[in-house]
Amino acid sequence: DISDDYVIERQGVVIGKAGCYRLPDIGYILHPDYWGQGLAHEAVQAVCASVLRRPDVDRLTADVDPRNTASIALLRRAGFVETGRGTATWVVGGEVCDSLYFTLTRDGAKLG
């Protein structure tokens, strides 16, 4: 599997990561102390721009817990569109979770 995964740093301190552990699936995580500052959005935009410039990648996908409204808003702001839903798709901390599926195509990307 090919990946494009990046560490997010702020003032020399690692505060998260963003990227595609396994293309075309994008993911990101940011330390809660840095939420609400636009840093995750900036990182996701940079990853999308980098990955979608590759000739072998024409879309990115994301799988999000429907309760994660901040992540859903971030993806939509980046140009991702909802493409489906799944029930009981993950077990996180012993809890069964659902999924919302999102896709961003090269043509739909907001890479500016």
N, C-alpha and C. Protein backbone atom coordinates (compact mmCIF):
# COMPACT_ATOMS: atom_id res chain seq x y z
N ASP A 1 0.83 -1.20 0.00
CA ASP A 1 0.00 0.00 0.00
C ASP A 1 0.87 1.26 0.00
N ILE A 2 0.44 2.25 -0.73
CA ILE A 2 1.13 3.53 -0.80
C ILE A 2 0.52 4.47 0.22
N SER A 3 1.37 5.30 0.85
CA SER A 3 0.84 6.25 1.82
C SER A 3 1.47 7.62 1.63
N ASP A 4 0.79 8.62 2.13
CA ASP A 4 1.25 10.01 2.20
C ASP A 4 0.79 10.51 3.55
N ASP A 5 1.64 10.42 4.56
CA ASP A 5 1.28 10.74 5.93
C ASP A 5 2.24 11.80 6.46
N TYR A 6 1.70 12.84 7.12
CA TYR A 6 2.50 13.98 7.57
C TYR A 6 2.27 14.27 9.04
N VAL A 7 3.32 14.70 9.71
CA VAL A 7 3.24 15.15 11.10
C VAL A 7 2.88 16.62 11.09
N ILE A 8 2.02 17.04 12.03
CA ILE A 8 1.66 18.46 12.17
C ILE A 8 2.47 19.01 13.34
N GLU A 9 3.23 20.05 13.06
CA GLU A 9 4.04 20.69 14.10
C GLU A 9 3.60 22.13 14.28
N ARG A 10 3.75 22.61 15.50
CA ARG A 10 3.51 24.03 15.80
C ARG A 10 4.61 24.47 16.75
N GLN A 11 5.39 25.42 16.33
CA GLN A 11 6.50 25.94 17.13
C GLN A 11 7.42 24.82 17.61
N GLY A 12 7.71 23.88 16.70
CA GLY A 12 8.64 22.81 17.00
C GLY A 12 8.07 21.65 17.81
N VAL A 13 6.77 21.68 18.10
CA VAL A 13 6.13 20.63 18.89
C VAL A 13 5.16 19.85 18.01
N VAL A 14 5.24 18.53 18.03
CA VAL A 14 4.30 17.71 17.27
C VAL A 14 2.93 17.77 17.96
N ILE A 15 1.91 18.19 17.20
CA ILE A 15 0.56 18.34 17.76
C ILE A 15 -0.46 17.45 17.07
N GLY A 16 -0.04 16.69 16.07
CA GLY A 16 -0.97 15.79 15.39
C GLY A 16 -0.38 15.24 14.12
N LYS A 17 -1.26 14.67 13.31
CA LYS A 17 -0.85 14.18 12.01
C LYS A 17 -2.03 14.22 11.06
N ALA A 18 -1.72 14.25 9.79
CA ALA A 18 -2.74 14.23 8.74
C ALA A 18 -2.15 13.53 7.53
N GLY A 19 -3.00 12.84 6.82
CA GLY A 19 -2.50 12.20 5.62
C GLY A 19 -3.31 11.00 5.22
N CYS A 20 -2.69 10.20 4.38
CA CYS A 20 -3.32 9.00 3.86
C CYS A 20 -2.44 7.81 4.24
N TYR A 21 -2.79 7.17 5.32
CA TYR A 21 -2.06 5.98 5.75
C TYR A 21 -2.12 4.93 4.65
N ARG A 22 -3.32 4.84 4.03
CA ARG A 22 -3.53 3.93 2.90
C ARG A 22 -4.41 4.67 1.90
N LEU A 23 -3.82 5.03 0.77
CA LEU A 23 -4.56 5.76 -0.25
C LEU A 23 -5.74 4.96 -0.75
N PRO A 24 -6.87 5.60 -0.99
CA PRO A 24 -7.14 7.03 -1.00
C PRO A 24 -7.78 7.54 0.30
N ASP A 25 -7.67 6.80 1.40
CA ASP A 25 -8.33 7.18 2.65
C ASP A 25 -7.53 8.23 3.40
N ILE A 26 -8.16 9.38 3.66
CA ILE A 26 -7.51 10.46 4.41
C ILE A 26 -7.94 10.38 5.88
N GLY A 27 -7.03 10.75 6.75
CA GLY A 27 -7.33 10.80 8.17
C GLY A 27 -6.51 11.89 8.83
N TYR A 28 -6.90 12.25 10.03
CA TYR A 28 -6.20 13.32 10.74
C TYR A 28 -6.54 13.23 12.21
N ILE A 29 -5.60 13.70 13.02
CA ILE A 29 -5.80 13.76 14.46
C ILE A 29 -5.00 14.95 14.96
N LEU A 30 -5.59 15.69 15.88
CA LEU A 30 -4.95 16.89 16.41
C LEU A 30 -5.16 16.91 17.92
N HIS A 31 -4.12 17.27 18.65
CA HIS A 31 -4.23 17.37 20.10
C HIS A 31 -5.35 18.36 20.46
N PRO A 32 -6.21 18.03 21.41
CA PRO A 32 -7.35 18.90 21.76
C PRO A 32 -6.97 20.33 22.14
N ASP A 33 -5.76 20.55 22.65
CA ASP A 33 -5.34 21.92 22.99
C ASP A 33 -5.29 22.83 21.77
N TYR A 34 -5.28 22.23 20.56
CA TYR A 34 -5.15 23.02 19.33
C TYR A 34 -6.42 23.01 18.48
N TRP A 35 -7.50 22.44 19.00
CA TRP A 35 -8.77 22.45 18.28
C TRP A 35 -9.31 23.87 18.16
N GLY A 36 -10.08 24.11 17.11
CA GLY A 36 -10.76 25.39 16.94
C GLY A 36 -9.88 26.53 16.45
N GLN A 37 -8.67 26.21 16.02
CA GLN A 37 -7.75 27.25 15.54
C GLN A 37 -7.53 27.19 14.03
N GLY A 38 -8.22 26.28 13.35
CA GLY A 38 -8.06 26.15 11.90
C GLY A 38 -6.87 25.33 11.47
N LEU A 39 -6.15 24.76 12.43
CA LEU A 39 -4.94 24.02 12.09
C LEU A 39 -5.23 22.69 11.39
N ALA A 40 -6.26 22.00 11.81
CA ALA A 40 -6.62 20.74 11.15
C ALA A 40 -7.07 21.02 9.72
N HIS A 41 -7.85 22.07 9.54
CA HIS A 41 -8.28 22.43 8.18
C HIS A 41 -7.09 22.75 7.29
N GLU A 42 -6.16 23.52 7.83
CA GLU A 42 -4.95 23.86 7.07
C GLU A 42 -4.18 22.60 6.69
N ALA A 43 -4.05 21.68 7.61
CA ALA A 43 -3.32 20.44 7.35
C ALA A 43 -4.04 19.58 6.32
N VAL A 44 -5.36 19.46 6.45
CA VAL A 44 -6.14 18.66 5.49
C VAL A 44 -6.05 19.27 4.10
N GLN A 45 -6.14 20.59 4.00
CA GLN A 45 -6.02 21.25 2.71
C GLN A 45 -4.66 20.94 2.08
N ALA A 46 -3.60 21.01 2.87
CA ALA A 46 -2.26 20.74 2.35
C ALA A 46 -2.12 19.30 1.88
N VAL A 47 -2.66 18.36 2.65
CA VAL A 47 -2.61 16.96 2.27
C VAL A 47 -3.38 16.73 0.98
N CYS A 48 -4.59 17.27 0.90
CA CYS A 48 -5.41 17.10 -0.30
C CYS A 48 -4.70 17.65 -1.53
N ALA A 49 -4.13 18.84 -1.41
CA ALA A 49 -3.43 19.46 -2.53
C ALA A 49 -2.25 18.59 -2.96
N SER A 50 -1.49 18.10 -2.01
CA SER A 50 -0.32 17.28 -2.32
C SER A 50 -0.71 15.96 -2.97
N VAL A 51 -1.65 15.27 -2.36
CA VAL A 51 -2.02 13.93 -2.84
C VAL A 51 -2.73 14.00 -4.19
N LEU A 52 -3.62 14.97 -4.36
CA LEU A 52 -4.39 15.03 -5.61
C LEU A 52 -3.57 15.55 -6.79
N ARG A 53 -2.36 16.00 -6.53
CA ARG A 53 -1.45 16.35 -7.64
C ARG A 53 -0.78 15.11 -8.22
N ARG A 54 -0.86 14.02 -7.50
CA ARG A 54 -0.27 12.77 -8.00
C ARG A 54 -1.12 12.25 -9.17
N PRO A 55 -0.51 11.82 -10.24
CA PRO A 55 -1.28 11.35 -11.39
C PRO A 55 -2.06 10.05 -11.12
N ASP A 56 -1.65 9.29 -10.11
CA ASP A 56 -2.31 8.02 -9.83
C ASP A 56 -3.45 8.13 -8.82
N VAL A 57 -3.76 9.35 -8.35
CA VAL A 57 -4.83 9.54 -7.37
C VAL A 57 -5.80 10.59 -7.90
N ASP A 58 -7.06 10.21 -8.11
CA ASP A 58 -8.05 11.17 -8.60
C ASP A 58 -9.15 11.48 -7.60
N ARG A 59 -9.06 10.82 -6.41
CA ARG A 59 -10.07 11.07 -5.37
C ARG A 59 -9.50 10.68 -4.02
N LEU A 60 -10.07 11.29 -2.98
CA LEU A 60 -9.78 10.93 -1.60
C LEU A 60 -11.08 10.55 -0.93
N THR A 61 -11.01 9.67 0.06
CA THR A 61 -12.19 9.25 0.80
C THR A 61 -11.96 9.42 2.29
N ALA A 62 -13.07 9.56 3.03
CA ALA A 62 -13.00 9.68 4.48
C ALA A 62 -14.18 8.94 5.09
N ASP A 63 -13.97 8.38 6.25
CA ASP A 63 -14.98 7.65 7.02
C ASP A 63 -15.05 8.33 8.39
N VAL A 64 -16.21 8.89 8.73
CA VAL A 64 -16.34 9.71 9.94
C VAL A 64 -17.51 9.23 10.79
N ASP A 65 -17.31 9.24 12.09
CA ASP A 65 -18.39 8.98 13.03
C ASP A 65 -19.42 10.12 12.88
N PRO A 66 -20.68 9.81 12.66
CA PRO A 66 -21.70 10.86 12.45
C PRO A 66 -21.84 11.83 13.62
N ARG A 67 -21.34 11.45 14.79
CA ARG A 67 -21.42 12.35 15.95
C ARG A 67 -20.28 13.37 15.96
N ASN A 68 -19.30 13.19 15.09
CA ASN A 68 -18.15 14.08 15.05
C ASN A 68 -18.44 15.26 14.13
N THR A 69 -19.26 16.17 14.62
CA THR A 69 -19.71 17.29 13.80
C THR A 69 -18.58 18.21 13.36
N ALA A 70 -17.55 18.36 14.17
CA ALA A 70 -16.41 19.21 13.79
C ALA A 70 -15.67 18.61 12.60
N SER A 71 -15.47 17.31 12.61
CA SER A 71 -14.77 16.66 11.51
C SER A 71 -15.61 16.70 10.23
N ILE A 72 -16.90 16.51 10.37
CA ILE A 72 -17.80 16.59 9.21
C ILE A 72 -17.74 17.98 8.60
N ALA A 73 -17.78 19.00 9.44
CA ALA A 73 -17.71 20.39 8.95
C ALA A 73 -16.37 20.65 8.27
N LEU A 74 -15.29 20.14 8.84
CA LEU A 74 -13.96 20.32 8.25
C LEU A 74 -13.92 19.70 6.86
N LEU A 75 -14.42 18.47 6.72
CA LEU A 75 -14.41 17.80 5.42
C LEU A 75 -15.25 18.56 4.40
N ARG A 76 -16.42 18.98 4.80
CA ARG A 76 -17.29 19.73 3.87
C ARG A 76 -16.63 21.04 3.45
N ARG A 77 -16.00 21.71 4.38
CA ARG A 77 -15.31 22.97 4.08
C ARG A 77 -14.17 22.73 3.08
N ALA A 78 -13.56 21.56 3.15
CA ALA A 78 -12.46 21.21 2.24
C ALA A 78 -12.96 20.72 0.88
N GLY A 79 -14.28 20.60 0.72
CA GLY A 79 -14.84 20.20 -0.57
C GLY A 79 -15.32 18.76 -0.65
N PHE A 80 -15.18 18.00 0.43
CA PHE A 80 -15.68 16.63 0.43
C PHE A 80 -17.20 16.62 0.41
N VAL A 81 -17.78 15.62 -0.24
CA VAL A 81 -19.23 15.45 -0.27
C VAL A 81 -19.57 14.09 0.32
N GLU A 82 -20.70 14.05 1.01
CA GLU A 82 -21.16 12.79 1.61
C GLU A 82 -21.61 11.85 0.50
N THR A 83 -21.14 10.61 0.57
CA THR A 83 -21.45 9.63 -0.47
C THR A 83 -22.17 8.40 0.07
N GLY A 84 -22.34 8.29 1.38
CA GLY A 84 -23.02 7.13 1.92
C GLY A 84 -22.95 7.08 3.43
N ARG A 85 -23.63 6.07 3.97
CA ARG A 85 -23.68 5.86 5.41
C ARG A 85 -23.59 4.37 5.70
N GLY A 86 -23.02 4.06 6.84
CA GLY A 86 -22.93 2.68 7.26
C GLY A 86 -23.33 2.55 8.72
N THR A 87 -23.88 1.41 9.07
CA THR A 87 -24.32 1.16 10.44
C THR A 87 -23.41 0.12 11.08
N ALA A 88 -23.01 0.38 12.31
CA ALA A 88 -22.18 -0.55 13.09
C ALA A 88 -20.91 -0.94 12.33
N THR A 89 -20.16 0.07 11.88
CA THR A 89 -18.99 -0.18 11.05
C THR A 89 -17.68 -0.23 11.83
N TRP A 90 -17.65 0.35 13.03
CA TRP A 90 -16.43 0.43 13.83
C TRP A 90 -16.73 0.05 15.27
N VAL A 91 -15.74 -0.42 15.96
CA VAL A 91 -15.81 -0.56 17.41
C VAL A 91 -14.66 0.26 17.98
N VAL A 92 -15.02 1.31 18.73
CA VAL A 92 -14.03 2.22 19.31
C VAL A 92 -14.24 2.24 20.82
N GLY A 93 -13.24 1.86 21.57
CA GLY A 93 -13.36 1.84 23.02
C GLY A 93 -14.50 0.95 23.50
N GLY A 94 -14.75 -0.13 22.78
CA GLY A 94 -15.82 -1.05 23.15
C GLY A 94 -17.20 -0.62 22.70
N GLU A 95 -17.30 0.52 22.04
CA GLU A 95 -18.59 1.05 21.58
C GLU A 95 -18.71 0.88 20.07
N VAL A 96 -19.85 0.36 19.62
CA VAL A 96 -20.11 0.21 18.19
C VAL A 96 -20.51 1.57 17.63
N CYS A 97 -19.87 1.96 16.53
CA CYS A 97 -20.10 3.27 15.92
C CYS A 97 -20.54 3.11 14.48
N ASP A 98 -21.26 4.11 14.00
CA ASP A 98 -21.68 4.18 12.60
C ASP A 98 -20.66 4.98 11.80
N SER A 99 -20.88 5.10 10.50
CA SER A 99 -19.99 5.84 9.63
C SER A 99 -20.76 6.72 8.66
N LEU A 100 -20.19 7.88 8.37
CA LEU A 100 -20.56 8.68 7.21
C LEU A 100 -19.37 8.60 6.28
N TYR A 101 -19.64 8.40 4.99
CA TYR A 101 -18.57 8.29 4.01
C TYR A 101 -18.54 9.56 3.16
N PHE A 102 -17.34 10.06 2.91
CA PHE A 102 -17.15 11.28 2.14
C PHE A 102 -16.12 11.02 1.04
N THR A 103 -16.26 11.77 -0.06
CA THR A 103 -15.32 11.68 -1.17
C THR A 103 -14.99 13.09 -1.65
N LEU A 104 -13.73 13.27 -2.02
CA LEU A 104 -13.27 14.50 -2.66
C LEU A 104 -12.59 14.09 -3.95
N THR A 105 -13.09 14.59 -5.08
CA THR A 105 -12.45 14.31 -6.36
C THR A 105 -11.49 15.44 -6.70
N ARG A 106 -10.57 15.14 -7.58
CA ARG A 106 -9.62 16.17 -8.03
C ARG A 106 -10.40 17.37 -8.58
N ASP A 107 -11.46 17.12 -9.35
CA ASP A 107 -12.26 18.19 -9.93
C ASP A 107 -13.00 19.01 -8.87
N GLY A 108 -13.38 18.38 -7.77
CA GLY A 108 -14.14 19.07 -6.73
C GLY A 108 -13.29 19.69 -5.64
N ALA A 109 -11.97 19.48 -5.70
CA ALA A 109 -11.08 19.93 -4.64
C ALA A 109 -10.96 21.46 -4.62
N LYS A 110 -10.91 21.98 -3.41
CA LYS A 110 -10.66 23.40 -3.18
C LYS A 110 -9.20 23.53 -2.79
N LEU A 111 -8.34 23.57 -3.78
CA LEU A 111 -6.90 23.50 -3.54
C LEU A 111 -6.24 24.86 -3.43
N GLY A 112 -6.99 25.91 -3.47
CA GLY A 112 -6.41 27.25 -3.45
C GLY A 112 -5.94 27.72 -2.13
